[in-house]
Amino acid sequence: MRQFVLVAGAWLGSWAWRDVEPGLRAAGHGVHPLTLSGLADKREAPAGQQTHVRDIVDAVERLDLRDVVLVGHSYAGIPVGQAAERIGDRLARVVFVDADVPADGESFVSGWPDGRAGVEAAIAANGGFWPPPAAADCADQGFTDEQLARFLDGSTPHPGATLTGPAVLARSPGLLPATYVTCLLDRPEPSPEVAELLAGERWRLVTMDTGHWPMFSQPAELARVLLDAAGTDARR
């Protein structure tokens, strides 16, 4: 039995995993979707990037979880990757779902050399928050109309300090047992930084033929991917 801790990316909360949870529970695993500080039902809580790392570590420790599969989607890969290092032998595997991966001293916007100024300007113009995307920003991402409406209706502004604060790591993420999920409609190849990690012995690559938000567009398939990732670790 694994304990899946699910952390969605920017603008989202625990609600985003609604359609993924049943497949994991039906297989007999524990499922713990998290909302990070400053988002969704916790939108009033102040948050920096290290707040989000503590949110994840505190949840694992408070619930006394073992055999943990930490799942980080998009932005959440950055705090999840740091939390994975900090929970020690409680960790079974990390799954990065079309995610950013932390690098010591680097932030989320560090990986946006062409778009960094735009993200920072949007944060400054919106009271310190990154505003949610519009429907046009989600074109060609595999959404049905219903899925897109649910995504847009539930999204909340994302606290900007979490995007500009640096990651703090004691060692390379390449030493973590990890699966990286690339969503092909978003980009057909992992970033060069992720490709380098995948060249190591402890990382595996999985692809999904969908867009950047597979918990909405292909939730049942994503659940199967997560179960396979947990099984891969169990066979080691």
Protein backbone atom coordinates (compact mmCIF):
# COMPACT_ATOMS: atom_id res chain seq x y z
CA MET A 1 0.00 0.00 0.00
CA ARG A 2 1.34 3.39 -1.02
CA GLN A 3 0.37 6.81 0.29
CA PHE A 4 -0.10 9.21 -2.61
CA VAL A 5 0.38 12.87 -1.72
CA LEU A 6 -0.94 14.90 -4.64
CA VAL A 7 0.10 18.52 -5.18
CA ALA A 8 -1.25 20.46 -8.15
CA GLY A 9 0.51 23.35 -9.83
CA ALA A 10 -0.11 27.07 -10.03
CA TRP A 11 -3.62 28.40 -9.36
CA LEU A 12 -4.94 25.01 -8.20
CA GLY A 13 -5.76 23.23 -4.94
CA SER A 14 -6.65 19.75 -3.71
CA TRP A 15 -9.91 19.91 -5.68
CA ALA A 16 -7.99 19.49 -8.94
CA TRP A 17 -7.38 15.79 -8.20
CA ARG A 18 -11.06 14.87 -7.81
CA ASP A 19 -11.20 12.62 -10.87
CA VAL A 20 -7.79 11.01 -10.24
CA GLU A 21 -8.47 9.95 -6.66
CA PRO A 22 -10.98 7.14 -7.35
CA GLY A 23 -8.54 5.12 -9.46
CA LEU A 24 -5.87 5.29 -6.75
CA ARG A 25 -8.28 4.44 -3.93
CA ALA A 26 -9.77 1.53 -5.90
CA ALA A 27 -6.28 0.02 -6.09
CA GLY A 28 -6.08 0.09 -2.28
CA HIS A 29 -3.80 3.04 -1.74
CA GLY A 30 -4.04 6.04 0.57
CA VAL A 31 -4.71 9.32 -1.23
CA HIS A 32 -3.95 12.75 0.22
CA PRO A 33 -4.53 15.72 -2.12
CA LEU A 34 -3.09 18.93 -0.69
CA THR A 35 -3.92 22.59 -1.05
CA LEU A 36 -0.85 24.76 -0.65
CA SER A 37 -0.92 27.99 1.38
CA GLY A 38 -2.26 31.00 -0.48
CA LEU A 39 -4.40 28.98 -2.90
CA ALA A 40 -8.00 27.76 -3.21
CA ASP A 41 -9.52 27.28 0.25
CA LYS A 42 -6.25 28.50 1.83
CA ARG A 43 -6.01 31.66 -0.28
CA GLU A 44 -5.85 33.95 2.76
CA ALA A 45 -2.68 32.30 4.12
CA PRO A 46 0.60 34.12 3.40
CA ALA A 47 3.02 32.02 1.38
CA GLY A 48 6.54 31.91 0.05
CA GLN A 49 8.16 28.97 -1.68
CA GLN A 50 9.53 27.50 1.55
CA THR A 51 6.02 27.77 3.02
CA HIS A 52 4.91 25.36 0.33
CA VAL A 53 7.74 22.97 1.09
CA ARG A 54 6.72 23.00 4.77
CA ASP A 55 3.07 22.47 3.80
CA ILE A 56 4.04 19.18 2.16
CA VAL A 57 6.51 17.98 4.79
CA ASP A 58 4.13 18.90 7.62
CA ALA A 59 1.28 16.95 6.02
CA VAL A 60 3.43 13.83 5.64
CA GLU A 61 4.64 14.05 9.22
CA ARG A 62 1.28 15.02 10.75
CA LEU A 63 -0.43 12.05 9.12
CA ASP A 64 2.60 9.83 9.89
CA LEU A 65 2.70 8.62 6.29
CA ARG A 66 5.14 5.95 5.10
CA ASP A 67 5.76 4.54 1.62
CA VAL A 68 4.93 7.97 0.26
CA VAL A 69 4.60 8.70 -3.44
CA LEU A 70 4.94 12.48 -3.73
CA VAL A 71 3.28 13.80 -6.88
CA GLY A 72 4.07 17.33 -8.05
CA HIS A 73 2.42 18.88 -11.08
CA SER A 74 3.84 21.88 -12.95
CA TYR A 75 5.04 24.55 -10.45
CA ALA A 76 4.47 22.12 -7.57
CA GLY A 77 7.39 20.01 -8.75
CA ILE A 78 9.65 22.63 -7.15
CA PRO A 79 8.35 22.35 -3.56
CA VAL A 80 7.65 18.62 -3.98
CA GLY A 81 11.24 17.95 -5.06
CA GLN A 82 12.52 19.76 -1.98
CA ALA A 83 10.05 18.02 0.32
CA ALA A 84 11.08 14.64 -1.10
CA GLU A 85 14.60 15.26 0.12
CA ARG A 86 13.37 16.25 3.58
CA ILE A 87 11.03 13.36 4.38
CA GLY A 88 13.87 10.84 4.25
CA ASP A 89 12.96 7.17 4.40
CA ARG A 90 9.25 7.93 4.33
CA LEU A 91 9.65 8.44 0.57
CA ALA A 92 8.96 5.64 -1.92
CA ARG A 93 9.04 7.69 -5.12
CA VAL A 94 8.55 11.15 -6.59
CA VAL A 95 6.41 11.68 -9.68
CA PHE A 96 6.87 14.95 -11.54
CA VAL A 97 3.84 15.54 -13.78
CA ASP A 98 4.86 17.89 -16.61
CA ALA A 99 6.62 19.69 -13.80
CA ASP A 100 9.37 22.11 -13.01
CA VAL A 101 12.16 20.43 -11.05
CA PRO A 102 14.03 22.30 -8.31
CA ALA A 103 17.64 23.36 -8.59
CA ASP A 104 19.44 24.75 -5.57
CA GLY A 105 19.31 28.53 -5.53
CA GLU A 106 16.99 28.74 -8.54
CA SER A 107 13.32 29.74 -8.62
CA PHE A 108 10.32 28.93 -10.79
CA VAL A 109 10.86 32.03 -12.89
CA SER A 110 14.55 31.18 -13.31
CA GLY A 111 13.42 28.58 -15.83
CA TRP A 112 11.54 31.18 -17.88
CA PRO A 113 14.36 33.16 -19.54
CA ASP A 114 12.07 34.48 -22.28
CA GLY A 115 8.93 34.86 -20.18
CA ARG A 116 10.32 35.80 -16.78
CA ALA A 117 9.76 39.53 -17.25
CA GLY A 118 6.15 38.90 -18.23
CA VAL A 119 5.45 36.72 -15.19
CA GLU A 120 7.09 39.22 -12.83
CA ALA A 121 5.20 42.13 -14.42
CA ALA A 122 1.90 40.26 -14.06
CA ILE A 123 2.66 39.60 -10.39
CA ALA A 124 3.50 43.26 -9.77
CA ALA A 125 0.34 44.42 -11.54
CA ASN A 126 -1.91 42.07 -9.56
CA GLY A 127 -1.04 42.80 -5.96
CA GLY A 128 1.69 40.20 -5.67
CA PHE A 129 -0.27 37.37 -7.32
CA TRP A 130 0.06 35.64 -10.69
CA PRO A 131 -3.41 35.80 -12.26
CA PRO A 132 -5.01 32.58 -13.53
CA PRO A 133 -4.96 31.88 -17.27
CA ALA A 134 -7.77 32.70 -19.67
CA ALA A 135 -9.43 30.17 -21.94
CA ALA A 136 -7.23 31.26 -24.85
CA ASP A 137 -4.12 30.33 -22.84
CA CYS A 138 -5.36 26.73 -22.64
CA ALA A 139 -5.98 26.09 -26.34
CA ASP A 140 -4.76 22.77 -27.74
CA GLN A 141 -4.27 21.25 -24.29
CA GLY A 142 -6.73 18.38 -24.69
CA PHE A 143 -9.58 19.87 -22.65
CA THR A 144 -13.23 19.23 -23.32
CA ASP A 145 -15.41 22.29 -22.82
CA GLU A 146 -16.60 20.92 -19.48
CA GLN A 147 -13.06 20.18 -18.26
CA LEU A 148 -11.85 23.62 -19.28
CA ALA A 149 -14.75 25.31 -17.51
CA ARG A 150 -14.03 23.42 -14.28
CA PHE A 151 -10.34 24.31 -14.47
CA LEU A 152 -10.98 27.99 -15.09
CA ASP A 153 -13.81 28.30 -12.56
CA GLY A 154 -11.77 26.76 -9.76
CA SER A 155 -8.45 28.52 -10.37
CA THR A 156 -7.34 31.24 -7.95
CA PRO A 157 -4.50 33.78 -8.17
CA HIS A 158 -1.14 32.27 -7.27
CA PRO A 159 1.07 33.94 -4.61
CA GLY A 160 3.95 35.49 -6.48
CA ALA A 161 6.57 35.05 -3.75
CA THR A 162 6.41 31.27 -4.24
CA LEU A 163 7.45 31.74 -7.87
CA THR A 164 10.42 34.02 -7.27
CA GLY A 165 11.91 32.46 -4.11
CA PRO A 166 14.92 30.12 -4.48
CA ALA A 167 14.87 26.37 -3.92
CA VAL A 168 17.02 24.99 -1.11
CA LEU A 169 18.52 21.56 -1.77
CA ALA A 170 21.30 19.61 -0.10
CA ARG A 171 21.83 17.28 -3.06
CA SER A 172 20.88 16.78 -6.69
CA PRO A 173 17.30 15.72 -7.48
CA GLY A 174 18.93 13.08 -9.65
CA LEU A 175 19.52 11.03 -6.50
CA LEU A 176 15.78 10.75 -5.85
CA PRO A 177 13.83 7.73 -7.12
CA ALA A 178 11.68 9.55 -9.66
CA THR A 179 9.33 9.27 -12.60
CA TYR A 180 8.92 12.22 -14.96
CA VAL A 181 5.68 12.50 -16.93
CA THR A 182 5.87 14.53 -20.14
CA CYS A 183 2.54 15.68 -21.60
CA LEU A 184 3.09 15.68 -25.33
CA LEU A 185 0.55 18.32 -26.31
CA ASP A 186 2.33 20.79 -24.04
CA ARG A 187 5.84 20.03 -25.25
CA PRO A 188 7.11 16.92 -27.01
CA GLU A 189 10.44 16.70 -25.22
CA PRO A 190 11.53 17.27 -21.62
CA SER A 191 13.62 20.35 -20.93
CA PRO A 192 17.41 19.94 -21.18
CA GLU A 193 17.64 20.04 -17.37
CA VAL A 194 15.12 17.21 -17.01
CA ALA A 195 16.74 15.24 -19.85
CA GLU A 196 20.00 15.34 -17.92
CA LEU A 197 18.29 13.93 -14.83
CA LEU A 198 16.61 11.23 -16.91
CA ALA A 199 20.03 10.08 -18.07
CA GLY A 200 20.71 8.92 -14.51
CA GLU A 201 19.87 5.51 -13.12
CA ARG A 202 17.13 6.58 -10.73
CA TRP A 203 14.82 8.52 -13.08
CA ARG A 204 12.29 7.14 -15.57
CA LEU A 205 10.32 8.87 -18.32
CA VAL A 206 6.63 8.36 -19.11
CA THR A 207 4.71 10.21 -21.82
CA MET A 208 1.00 11.05 -21.99
CA ASP A 209 -0.75 12.13 -25.19
CA THR A 210 -2.53 15.06 -23.60
CA GLY A 211 -1.96 18.62 -22.42
CA HIS A 212 -0.38 20.21 -19.40
CA TRP A 213 -3.27 19.48 -17.02
CA PRO A 214 -3.85 15.70 -17.28
CA MET A 215 -5.73 15.55 -13.96
CA PHE A 216 -8.55 17.26 -15.89
CA SER A 217 -8.05 16.02 -19.45
CA GLN A 218 -7.09 12.37 -18.79
CA PRO A 219 -7.64 11.64 -15.08
CA ALA A 220 -8.11 7.88 -15.37
CA GLU A 221 -4.97 7.53 -17.50
CA LEU A 222 -3.03 9.70 -15.07
CA ALA A 223 -4.13 7.48 -12.19
CA ARG A 224 -2.80 4.47 -14.10
CA VAL A 225 0.50 6.27 -14.71
CA LEU A 226 0.81 7.02 -10.98
CA LEU A 227 0.01 3.41 -10.06
CA ASP A 228 2.62 2.16 -12.52
CA ALA A 229 5.19 4.55 -11.05
CA ALA A 230 4.47 3.26 -7.54
CA GLY A 231 4.76 -0.33 -8.78
CA THR A 232 8.07 0.40 -10.48
CA ASP A 233 9.50 1.45 -7.14
CA ALA A 234 7.99 -1.57 -5.38
CA ARG A 235 9.84 -3.95 -7.72
CA ARG A 236 13.24 -2.46 -6.95
